[in-house]
C-alpha atoms as a PDB file:
ATOM      1  CA  UNK A   1      -9.605  11.675  31.707  1.00  0.00           C
ATOM      2  CA  UNK A   2     -10.542  12.163  35.331  1.00  0.00           C
ATOM      3  CA  UNK A   3     -13.127  14.508  37.284  1.00  0.00           C
ATOM      4  CA  UNK A   4     -12.335  14.740  40.882  1.00  0.00           C
ATOM      5  CA  UNK A   5     -14.872  15.711  43.699  1.00  0.00           C
ATOM      6  CA  UNK A   6     -14.105  16.838  47.099  1.00  0.00           C
ATOM      7  CA  UNK A   7     -16.320  16.137  49.854  1.00  0.00           C
ATOM      8  CA  UNK A   8     -14.965  16.096  53.479  1.00  0.00           C
ATOM      9  CA  UNK A   9     -11.932  13.764  53.951  1.00  0.00           C
ATOM     10  CA  UNK A  10     -12.303  11.946  50.533  1.00  0.00           C
ATOM     11  CA  UNK A  11     -11.047  13.051  47.271  1.00  0.00           C
ATOM     12  CA  UNK A  12     -13.268  10.373  45.030  1.00  0.00           C
ATOM     13  CA  UNK A  13     -12.418  10.314  41.534  1.00  0.00           C
ATOM     14  CA  UNK A  14     -13.828   9.027  38.786  1.00  0.00           C
ATOM     15  CA  UNK A  15     -12.273   8.031  35.501  1.00  0.00           C
ATOM     16  CA  UNK A  16     -13.760   7.584  32.072  1.00  0.00           C
ATOM     17  CA  UNK A  17     -12.399   4.628  29.695  1.00  0.00           C
ATOM     18  CA  UNK A  18     -13.766   3.610  26.448  1.00  0.00           C
ATOM     19  CA  UNK A  19     -16.961   5.327  24.902  1.00  0.00           C
ATOM     20  CA  UNK A  20     -19.083   4.893  21.929  1.00  0.00           C
ATOM     21  CA  UNK A  21     -22.029   6.573  20.493  1.00  0.00           C
ATOM     22  CA  UNK A  22     -24.780   5.505  18.256  1.00  0.00           C
ATOM     23  CA  UNK A  23     -27.170   8.542  17.390  1.00  0.00           C
ATOM     24  CA  UNK A  24     -29.655   8.683  20.404  1.00  0.00           C
ATOM     25  CA  UNK A  25     -27.641   6.260  22.304  1.00  0.00           C
ATOM     26  CA  UNK A  26     -24.061   6.276  23.934  1.00  0.00           C
ATOM     27  CA  UNK A  27     -22.151   4.280  26.357  1.00  0.00           C
ATOM     28  CA  UNK A  28     -18.903   4.955  28.622  1.00  0.00           C
ATOM     29  CA  UNK A  29     -16.840   2.893  31.071  1.00  0.00           C
ATOM     30  CA  UNK A  30     -16.447   4.630  34.361  1.00  0.00           C
ATOM     31  CA  UNK A  31     -14.171   3.765  37.162  1.00  0.00           C
ATOM     32  CA  UNK A  32     -15.018   5.227  40.606  1.00  0.00           C
ATOM     33  CA  UNK A  33     -12.666   5.300  43.625  1.00  0.00           C
ATOM     34  CA  UNK A  34     -14.368   5.300  46.883  1.00  0.00           C
ATOM     35  CA  UNK A  35     -16.439   8.401  48.181  1.00  0.00           C
ATOM     36  CA  UNK A  36     -19.350  10.590  47.793  1.00  0.00           C
ATOM     37  CA  UNK A  37     -20.082  11.707  44.368  1.00  0.00           C
ATOM     38  CA  UNK A  38     -22.875  14.290  43.372  1.00  0.00           C
ATOM     39  CA  UNK A  39     -25.117  13.061  40.395  1.00  0.00           C
ATOM     40  CA  UNK A  40     -24.943  15.282  37.747  1.00  0.00           C
ATOM     41  CA  UNK A  41     -28.235  16.658  36.581  1.00  0.00           C
ATOM     42  CA  UNK A  42     -28.398  15.861  32.627  1.00  0.00           C
ATOM     43  CA  UNK A  43     -31.156  16.071  30.125  1.00  0.00           C
ATOM     44  CA  UNK A  44     -30.514  12.427  29.015  1.00  0.00           C
ATOM     45  CA  UNK A  45     -31.771   9.552  30.651  1.00  0.00           C
ATOM     46  CA  UNK A  46     -29.104   7.448  32.162  1.00  0.00           C
ATOM     47  CA  UNK A  47     -28.509   3.516  33.133  1.00  0.00           C
ATOM     48  CA  UNK A  48     -25.885   2.862  35.604  1.00  0.00           C
ATOM     49  CA  UNK A  49     -24.844  -0.630  35.097  1.00  0.00           C
ATOM     50  CA  UNK A  50     -22.315  -2.231  37.997  1.00  0.00           C
ATOM     51  CA  UNK A  51     -19.913  -4.606  37.406  1.00  0.00           C
ATOM     52  CA  UNK A  52     -18.154  -5.119  40.651  1.00  0.00           C
ATOM     53  CA  UNK A  53     -19.462  -7.547  43.258  1.00  0.00           C
ATOM     54  CA  UNK A  54     -19.831  -6.695  46.736  1.00  0.00           C
ATOM     55  CA  UNK A  55     -19.141  -3.081  47.055  1.00  0.00           C
ATOM     56  CA  UNK A  56     -21.334  -1.500  49.522  1.00  0.00           C
ATOM     57  CA  UNK A  57     -23.153   1.769  48.011  1.00  0.00           C
ATOM     58  CA  UNK A  58     -25.584   4.602  49.264  1.00  0.00           C
ATOM     59  CA  UNK A  59     -27.544   5.911  46.426  1.00  0.00           C
ATOM     60  CA  UNK A  60     -30.478   8.800  46.376  1.00  0.00           C
ATOM     61  CA  UNK A  61     -32.214   9.947  43.399  1.00  0.00           C
ATOM     62  CA  UNK A  62     -35.302  12.612  43.845  1.00  0.00           C
ATOM     63  CA  UNK A  63     -36.090  10.973  47.070  1.00  0.00           C
ATOM     64  CA  UNK A  64     -35.577   7.301  46.286  1.00  0.00           C
ATOM     65  CA  UNK A  65     -33.020   5.754  47.898  1.00  0.00           C
ATOM     66  CA  UNK A  66     -31.272   2.936  49.606  1.00  0.00           C
ATOM     67  CA  UNK A  67     -28.340   1.464  51.326  1.00  0.00           C
ATOM     68  CA  UNK A  68     -27.181  -2.086  49.631  1.00  0.00           C
ATOM     69  CA  UNK A  69     -24.317  -4.282  48.672  1.00  0.00           C
ATOM     70  CA  UNK A  70     -23.976  -4.097  44.739  1.00  0.00           C
ATOM     71  CA  UNK A  71     -24.326  -7.178  42.653  1.00  0.00           C
ATOM     72  CA  UNK A  72     -23.067  -7.287  39.212  1.00  0.00           C
ATOM     73  CA  UNK A  73     -25.548  -6.365  36.721  1.00  0.00           C
ATOM     74  CA  UNK A  74     -27.333  -4.236  39.159  1.00  0.00           C
ATOM     75  CA  UNK A  75     -28.216  -0.702  37.639  1.00  0.00           C
ATOM     76  CA  UNK A  76     -29.604   2.723  38.809  1.00  0.00           C
ATOM     77  CA  UNK A  77     -32.062   4.368  36.713  1.00  0.00           C
ATOM     78  CA  UNK A  78     -31.646   8.271  36.539  1.00  0.00           C
ATOM     79  CA  UNK A  79     -34.227  10.166  34.411  1.00  0.00           C
ATOM     80  CA  UNK A  80     -33.284  13.123  32.407  1.00  0.00           C
ATOM     81  CA  UNK A  81     -33.393  16.109  34.418  1.00  0.00           C
ATOM     82  CA  UNK A  82     -33.141  14.146  37.919  1.00  0.00           C
ATOM     83  CA  UNK A  83     -30.510  15.144  40.707  1.00  0.00           C
ATOM     84  CA  UNK A  84     -29.071  12.921  43.075  1.00  0.00           C
ATOM     85  CA  UNK A  85     -25.887  11.658  45.204  1.00  0.00           C
ATOM     86  CA  UNK A  86     -24.364   8.261  45.808  1.00  0.00           C
ATOM     87  CA  UNK A  87     -21.376   6.960  47.982  1.00  0.00           C
ATOM     88  CA  UNK A  88     -19.402   4.128  47.090  1.00  0.00           C
ATOM     89  CA  UNK A  89     -17.253   2.377  49.729  1.00  0.00           C
ATOM     90  CA  UNK A  90     -15.044   0.689  47.669  1.00  0.00           C
ATOM     91  CA  UNK A  91     -13.360   0.995  44.199  1.00  0.00           C
ATOM     92  CA  UNK A  92     -16.312   0.122  41.554  1.00  0.00           C
ATOM     93  CA  UNK A  93     -16.354  -0.629  37.834  1.00  0.00           C
ATOM     94  CA  UNK A  94     -19.507   0.439  35.905  1.00  0.00           C
ATOM     95  CA  UNK A  95     -20.819   1.372  32.346  1.00  0.00           C
ATOM     96  CA  UNK A  96     -23.042   4.449  31.906  1.00  0.00           C
ATOM     97  CA  UNK A  97     -25.580   4.309  29.391  1.00  0.00           C
ATOM     98  CA  UNK A  98     -27.248   7.406  28.132  1.00  0.00           C
ATOM     99  CA  UNK A  99     -30.206   7.814  26.001  1.00  0.00           C
ATOM    100  CA  UNK A 100     -31.524  11.215  24.395  1.00  0.00           C
ATOM    101  CA  UNK A 101     -34.900  12.360  25.596  1.00  0.00           C
ATOM    102  CA  UNK A 102     -36.058  12.233  22.146  1.00  0.00           C
ATOM    103  CA  UNK A 103     -35.481   8.410  21.873  1.00  0.00           C
ATOM    104  CA  UNK A 104     -37.925   7.689  24.728  1.00  0.00           C
ATOM    105  CA  UNK A 105     -40.681   9.991  23.802  1.00  0.00           C
ATOM    106  CA  UNK A 106     -40.637   8.748  20.081  1.00  0.00           C
ATOM    107  CA  UNK A 107     -40.618   5.440  21.379  1.00  0.00           C
ATOM    108  CA  UNK A 108     -43.667   6.059  23.344  1.00  0.00           C
ATOM    109  CA  UNK A 109     -45.716   7.967  20.601  1.00  0.00           C
ATOM    110  CA  UNK A 110     -44.763   5.230  18.287  1.00  0.00           C
ATOM    111  CA  UNK A 111     -46.013   2.761  20.419  1.00  0.00           C
ATOM    112  CA  UNK A 112     -49.057   4.498  21.023  1.00  0.00           C
ATOM    113  CA  UNK A 113     -48.539   4.946  25.073  1.00  0.00           C
ATOM    114  CA  UNK A 114     -51.021   7.314  26.866  1.00  0.00           C
ATOM    115  CA  UNK A 115     -49.601  10.767  27.543  1.00  0.00           C
ATOM    116  CA  UNK A 116     -46.998  11.094  29.919  1.00  0.00           C
ATOM    117  CA  UNK A 117     -46.011   7.785  29.371  1.00  0.00           C
ATOM    118  CA  UNK A 118     -42.296   8.804  27.962  1.00  0.00           C
ATOM    119  CA  UNK A 119     -41.700   9.801  31.967  1.00  0.00           C
ATOM    120  CA  UNK A 120     -39.631   7.558  33.677  1.00  0.00           C
ATOM    121  CA  UNK A 121     -39.277   7.083  37.597  1.00  0.00           C
ATOM    122  CA  UNK A 122     -35.934   6.836  39.492  1.00  0.00           C
ATOM    123  CA  UNK A 123     -35.019   3.157  40.333  1.00  0.00           C
ATOM    124  CA  UNK A 124     -32.030   2.196  42.493  1.00  0.00           C
ATOM    125  CA  UNK A 125     -30.580  -1.178  42.638  1.00  0.00           C
ATOM    126  CA  UNK A 126     -33.025  -2.499  40.007  1.00  0.00           C
ATOM    127  CA  UNK A 127     -32.262  -5.888  37.986  1.00  0.00           C
ATOM    128  CA  UNK A 128     -33.923  -6.629  34.523  1.00  0.00           C
ATOM    129  CA  UNK A 129     -32.691  -9.513  31.957  1.00  0.00           C
ATOM    130  CA  UNK A 130     -33.337  -7.526  28.649  1.00  0.00           C
ATOM    131  CA  UNK A 131     -31.692  -4.535  30.263  1.00  0.00           C
ATOM    132  CA  UNK A 132     -28.609  -6.339  31.209  1.00  0.00           C
ATOM    133  CA  UNK A 133     -28.702  -8.173  27.700  1.00  0.00           C
ATOM    134  CA  UNK A 134     -28.621  -4.886  25.595  1.00  0.00           C
ATOM    135  CA  UNK A 135     -25.907  -3.453  28.188  1.00  0.00           C
ATOM    136  CA  UNK A 136     -23.705  -6.558  27.795  1.00  0.00           C
ATOM    137  CA  UNK A 137     -23.934  -5.956  23.829  1.00  0.00           C
ATOM    138  CA  UNK A 138     -23.184  -2.392  24.212  1.00  0.00           C
ATOM    139  CA  UNK A 139     -19.908  -3.437  26.510  1.00  0.00           C
ATOM    140  CA  UNK A 140     -19.083  -5.741  24.060  1.00  0.00           C
ATOM    141  CA  UNK A 141     -19.196  -2.898  21.392  1.00  0.00           C
ATOM    142  CA  UNK A 142     -17.198  -0.807  23.181  1.00  0.00           C
ATOM    143  CA  UNK A 143     -14.231  -3.506  23.209  1.00  0.00           C
ATOM    144  CA  UNK A 144     -14.748  -4.239  19.464  1.00  0.00           C
ATOM    145  CA  UNK A 145     -12.058  -2.930  17.139  1.00  0.00           C
ATOM    146  CA  UNK A 146     -14.879  -1.417  14.893  1.00  0.00           C
ATOM    147  CA  UNK A 147     -18.600  -0.358  15.538  1.00  0.00           C
ATOM    148  CA  UNK A 148     -20.982  -2.558  14.401  1.00  0.00           C
ATOM    149  CA  UNK A 149     -23.508  -1.388  11.866  1.00  0.00           C
ATOM    150  CA  UNK A 150     -26.317   0.973  12.013  1.00  0.00           C
ATOM    151  CA  UNK A 151     -29.010  -1.660  11.877  1.00  0.00           C
ATOM    152  CA  UNK A 152     -27.526  -3.418  15.355  1.00  0.00           C
ATOM    153  CA  UNK A 153     -27.275  -0.056  17.163  1.00  0.00           C
ATOM    154  CA  UNK A 154     -30.741   0.851  16.239  1.00  0.00           C
ATOM    155  CA  UNK A 155     -32.034  -2.387  17.366  1.00  0.00           C
ATOM    156  CA  UNK A 156     -30.176  -1.788  20.898  1.00  0.00           C
ATOM    157  CA  UNK A 157     -31.535   1.504  21.364  1.00  0.00           C
ATOM    158  CA  UNK A 158     -35.019   0.642  20.761  1.00  0.00           C
ATOM    159  CA  UNK A 159     -34.983  -2.670  22.486  1.00  0.00           C
ATOM    160  CA  UNK A 160     -33.988  -0.574  25.713  1.00  0.00           C
ATOM    161  CA  UNK A 161     -36.048   2.390  25.205  1.00  0.00           C
ATOM    162  CA  UNK A 162     -39.170  -0.057  25.219  1.00  0.00           C
ATOM    163  CA  UNK A 163     -38.169  -1.969  27.923  1.00  0.00           C
ATOM    164  CA  UNK A 164     -37.934   1.126  30.066  1.00  0.00           C
ATOM    165  CA  UNK A 165     -41.142   1.993  29.052  1.00  0.00           C
ATOM    166  CA  UNK A 166     -42.604  -1.360  30.054  1.00  0.00           C
ATOM    167  CA  UNK A 167     -41.193  -2.064  33.257  1.00  0.00           C
ATOM    168  CA  UNK A 168     -40.245   1.763  34.695  1.00  0.00           C
ATOM    169  CA  UNK A 169     -43.543   3.770  34.116  1.00  0.00           C
ATOM    170  CA  UNK A 170     -46.739   3.233  35.181  1.00  0.00           C
ATOM    171  CA  UNK A 171     -48.699   1.834  32.399  1.00  0.00           C
ATOM    172  CA  UNK A 172     -47.494  -1.479  30.681  1.00  0.00           C
ATOM    173  CA  UNK A 173     -47.429  -2.071  26.643  1.00  0.00           C
ATOM    174  CA  UNK A 174     -50.145  -4.470  25.839  1.00  0.00           C
ATOM    175  CA  UNK A 175     -51.490  -6.349  22.935  1.00  0.00           C
ATOM    176  CA  UNK A 176     -50.376  -9.492  20.957  1.00  0.00           C
ATOM    177  CA  UNK A 177     -50.467  -7.978  17.082  1.00  0.00           C
ATOM    178  CA  UNK A 178     -48.174  -9.684  14.790  1.00  0.00           C
ATOM    179  CA  UNK A 179     -46.937  -8.807  11.278  1.00  0.00           C
ATOM    180  CA  UNK A 180     -49.438  -9.623   8.240  1.00  0.00           C
ATOM    181  CA  UNK A 181     -48.113 -11.770   5.819  1.00  0.00           C
ATOM    182  CA  UNK A 182     -47.742  -9.160   3.169  1.00  0.00           C
ATOM    183  CA  UNK A 183     -45.538  -7.248   5.729  1.00  0.00           C
ATOM    184  CA  UNK A 184     -43.429 -10.105   6.221  1.00  0.00           C
ATOM    185  CA  UNK A 185     -43.173 -11.047   2.350  1.00  0.00           C
ATOM    186  CA  UNK A 186     -42.445  -7.253   1.638  1.00  0.00           C
ATOM    187  CA  UNK A 187     -39.628  -7.184   4.726  1.00  0.00           C
ATOM    188  CA  UNK A 188     -38.104 -10.251   3.509  1.00  0.00           C
ATOM    189  CA  UNK A 189     -37.890  -9.519  -0.142  1.00  0.00           C
ATOM    190  CA  UNK A 190     -36.403  -6.282   0.638  1.00  0.00           C
ATOM    191  CA  UNK A 191     -33.690  -7.743   2.823  1.00  0.00           C
ATOM    192  CA  UNK A 192     -32.874 -10.164   0.122  1.00  0.00           C
ATOM    193  CA  UNK A 193     -32.570  -7.653  -2.513  1.00  0.00           C
ATOM    194  CA  UNK A 194     -30.343  -5.636  -0.382  1.00  0.00           C
ATOM    195  CA  UNK A 195     -28.295  -7.983   1.595  1.00  0.00           C
ATOM    196  CA  UNK A 196     -24.919  -6.445   0.322  1.00  0.00           C
ATOM    197  CA  UNK A 197     -25.760  -2.928   1.684  1.00  0.00           C
ATOM    198  CA  UNK A 198     -26.159  -1.137   4.923  1.00  0.00           C
ATOM    199  CA  UNK A 199     -29.934  -2.225   5.896  1.00  0.00           C
ATOM    200  CA  UNK A 200     -31.290   0.106   8.519  1.00  0.00           C
ATOM    201  CA  UNK A 201     -34.486  -0.099  11.008  1.00  0.00           C
ATOM    202  CA  UNK A 202     -35.639   3.040   9.228  1.00  0.00           C
ATOM    203  CA  UNK A 203     -35.885   1.564   5.824  1.00  0.00           C
ATOM    204  CA  UNK A 204     -37.648  -1.977   6.992  1.00  0.00           C
ATOM    205  CA  UNK A 205     -39.898   0.033   9.146  1.00  0.00           C
ATOM    206  CA  UNK A 206     -40.881   1.954   5.937  1.00  0.00           C
ATOM    207  CA  UNK A 207     -41.242  -1.131   3.820  1.00  0.00           C
ATOM    208  CA  UNK A 208     -43.443  -2.702   6.451  1.00  0.00           C
ATOM    209  CA  UNK A 209     -45.498   0.637   6.892  1.00  0.00           C
ATOM    210  CA  UNK A 210     -44.762   1.325  10.701  1.00  0.00           C
ATOM    211  CA  UNK A 211     -42.686   2.621  13.281  1.00  0.00           C
ATOM    212  CA  UNK A 212     -39.345   1.292  14.334  1.00  0.00           C
ATOM    213  CA  UNK A 213     -40.519   0.225  17.716  1.00  0.00           C
ATOM    214  CA  UNK A 214     -43.579  -1.578  16.310  1.00  0.00           C
ATOM    215  CA  UNK A 215     -41.358  -2.996  13.690  1.00  0.00           C
ATOM    216  CA  UNK A 216     -38.847  -4.588  16.337  1.00  0.00           C
ATOM    217  CA  UNK A 217     -41.496  -5.842  18.886  1.00  0.00           C
ATOM    218  CA  UNK A 218     -44.084  -7.427  16.028  1.00  0.00           C
ATOM    219  CA  UNK A 219     -40.885  -8.705  14.056  1.00  0.00           C
ATOM    220  CA  UNK A 220     -39.682 -10.672  17.029  1.00  0.00           C
ATOM    221  CA  UNK A 221     -43.304 -11.787  17.939  1.00  0.00           C
ATOM    222  CA  UNK A 222     -43.741 -12.838  14.293  1.00  0.00           C
ATOM    223  CA  UNK A 223     -40.410 -14.404  13.298  1.00  0.00           C
ATOM    224  CA  UNK A 224     -39.228 -15.505  16.601  1.00  0.00           C
ATOM    225  CA  UNK A 225     -35.986 -13.504  16.532  1.00  0.00           C
ATOM    226  CA  UNK A 226     -34.604  -9.947  16.375  1.00  0.00           C
ATOM    227  CA  UNK A 227     -34.567  -8.068  12.938  1.00  0.00           C
ATOM    228  CA  UNK A 228     -30.512  -7.971  13.433  1.00  0.00           C
ATOM    229  CA  UNK A 229     -30.121 -11.673  14.110  1.00  0.00           C
ATOM    230  CA  UNK A 230     -32.469 -12.644  10.857  1.00  0.00           C
ATOM    231  CA  UNK A 231     -30.414 -10.333   8.607  1.00  0.00           C
ATOM    232  CA  UNK A 232     -27.062 -11.930   9.836  1.00  0.00           C
ATOM    233  CA  UNK A 233     -28.837 -15.213   9.372  1.00  0.00           C
ATOM    234  CA  UNK A 234     -29.511 -14.289   5.785  1.00  0.00           C
ATOM    235  CA  UNK A 235     -26.098 -12.978   5.233  1.00  0.00           C
ATOM    236  CA  UNK A 236     -24.328 -15.958   6.416  1.00  0.00           C
ATOM    237  CA  UNK A 237     -26.926 -18.139   4.203  1.00  0.00           C
ATOM    238  CA  UNK A 238     -25.946 -15.984   1.203  1.00  0.00           C
ATOM    239  CA  UNK A 239     -22.555 -16.212   1.440  1.00  0.00           C
ATOM    240  CA  UNK A 240     -22.439 -20.238   2.450  1.00  0.00           C
ATOM    241  CA  UNK A 241     -24.323 -20.695  -1.135  1.00  0.00           C
ATOM    242  CA  UNK A 242     -21.811 -18.402  -2.914  1.00  0.00           C
ATOM    243  CA  UNK A 243     -18.975 -20.200  -1.476  1.00  0.00           C
ATOM    244  CA  UNK A 244     -20.536 -23.416  -2.420  1.00  0.00           C
ATOM    245  CA  UNK A 245     -20.857 -21.765  -5.895  1.00  0.00           C
ATOM    246  CA  UNK A 246     -17.080 -21.363  -6.015  1.00  0.00           C
ATOM    247  CA  UNK A 247     -17.202 -18.542  -8.368  1.00  0.00           C
ATOM    248  CA  UNK A 248     -15.075 -15.720  -6.521  1.00  0.00           C
ATOM    249  CA  UNK A 249     -13.007 -15.175  -3.456  1.00  0.00           C
ATOM    250  CA  UNK A 250     -13.901 -15.336   0.330  1.00  0.00           C
ATOM    251  CA  UNK A 251     -13.067 -11.502   0.363  1.00  0.00           C
ATOM    252  CA  UNK A 252     -15.324 -10.630  -2.499  1.00  0.00           C
ATOM    253  CA  UNK A 253     -18.141 -12.745  -1.353  1.00  0.00           C
ATOM    254  CA  UNK A 254     -17.786 -11.220   2.230  1.00  0.00           C
ATOM    255  CA  UNK A 255     -18.673  -7.548   0.518  1.00  0.00           C
ATOM    256  CA  UNK A 256     -21.291  -9.116  -1.682  1.00  0.00           C
ATOM    257  CA  UNK A 257     -23.064 -10.134   1.113  1.00  0.00           C
ATOM    258  CA  UNK A 258     -22.683  -6.958   3.806  1.00  0.00           C
ATOM    259  CA  UNK A 259     -20.139  -7.982   5.578  1.00  0.00           C
ATOM    260  CA  UNK A 260     -17.222  -5.310   6.329  1.00  0.00           C
ATOM    261  CA  UNK A 261     -14.427  -7.966   5.643  1.00  0.00           C
ATOM    262  CA  UNK A 262     -13.429 -11.501   5.403  1.00  0.00           C
ATOM    263  CA  UNK A 263     -12.840 -11.720   9.140  1.00  0.00           C
ATOM    264  CA  UNK A 264     -16.340 -10.346   9.863  1.00  0.00           C
ATOM    265  CA  UNK A 265     -17.938 -13.233   7.747  1.00  0.00           C
ATOM    266  CA  UNK A 266     -15.841 -15.657   9.246  1.00  0.00           C
ATOM    267  CA  UNK A 267     -16.948 -14.654  12.564  1.00  0.00           C
ATOM    268  CA  UNK A 268     -20.514 -14.733  12.070  1.00  0.00           C
ATOM    269  CA  UNK A 269     -20.083 -17.881  10.095  1.00  0.00           C
ATOM    270  CA  UNK A 270     -18.415 -19.642  12.825  1.00  0.00           C
ATOM    271  CA  UNK A 271     -21.086 -18.352  15.261  1.00  0.00           C
ATOM    272  CA  UNK A 272     -24.293 -19.425  13.284  1.00  0.00           C
ATOM    273  CA  UNK A 273     -22.971 -22.579  11.494  1.00  0.00           C
ATOM    274  CA  UNK A 274     -19.812 -23.733  13.440  1.00  0.00           C
ATOM    275  CA  UNK A 275     -17.091 -23.544  10.420  1.00  0.00           C
ATOM    276  CA  UNK A 276     -15.544 -21.002   8.534  1.00  0.00           C
ATOM    277  CA  UNK A 277     -15.603 -19.776   5.204  1.00  0.00           C
ATOM    278  CA  UNK A 278     -12.247 -21.994   4.508  1.00  0.00           C
ATOM    279  CA  UNK A 279     -13.794 -25.087   6.033  1.00  0.00           C
ATOM    280  CA  UNK A 280     -16.954 -24.466   3.810  1.00  0.00           C
ATOM    281  CA  UNK A 281     -14.775 -24.555   0.628  1.00  0.00           C
ATOM    282  CA  UNK A 282     -12.785 -27.580   1.918  1.00  0.00           C
ATOM    283  CA  UNK A 283     -15.876 -29.574   2.528  1.00  0.00           C
END
């Protein structure tokens, strides 16, 4: 679908490609032809993530503006309610990531940030390795044949909201707290008991007795990996044990360890162990 905007001699056109929504988070592929565009005022916060190299661009948002030559993985941060304008001087591909205001405000509240910290400032031509990591993960999900599980989407949404609050508002998030040993044990026991089901960050946060943003931050700090990475690692290890036990089929083991199907298990087992389920059986 396309939406033309007419400015003087140019008739620039935005073409929207694949899109996917995960509750308060959404991502859409966008292609822009050269020309000048109005920045639509939206209630959602937006991260406009650029993919095409060497595109001269004029951007402005709420008085913050610049002329630059884009590099891949530059992004513009447009807070909800902000207005602006941009002009691309060559065709450009990008990904638009949208976040509901409630996601940011609930994250700020859960992290006990000072009042007003849910307010973001416009940023043009920013770069941030964690924001890039999250958006790359969302791009992979746009191309995937089926959506990821809820716990993965929740993890990306929380990571992105937390990072934006850390780096694009006035006060940083401090402290070096970690999960207590009882909290770790409760989380580990709950994951082990529910590997065959649809685990969510909401469930695990309740088990730990804390908010989702605190859980994701403290889990990584304590365990050295994200909640999602830990859960997938445990699922693969459980599947390996069942395969070596030899009592049922690969397809049944995939279902019993929380994978959508046999190919889903094979993909993750190859990624984490370097072998497929069939190779485990043969060995």
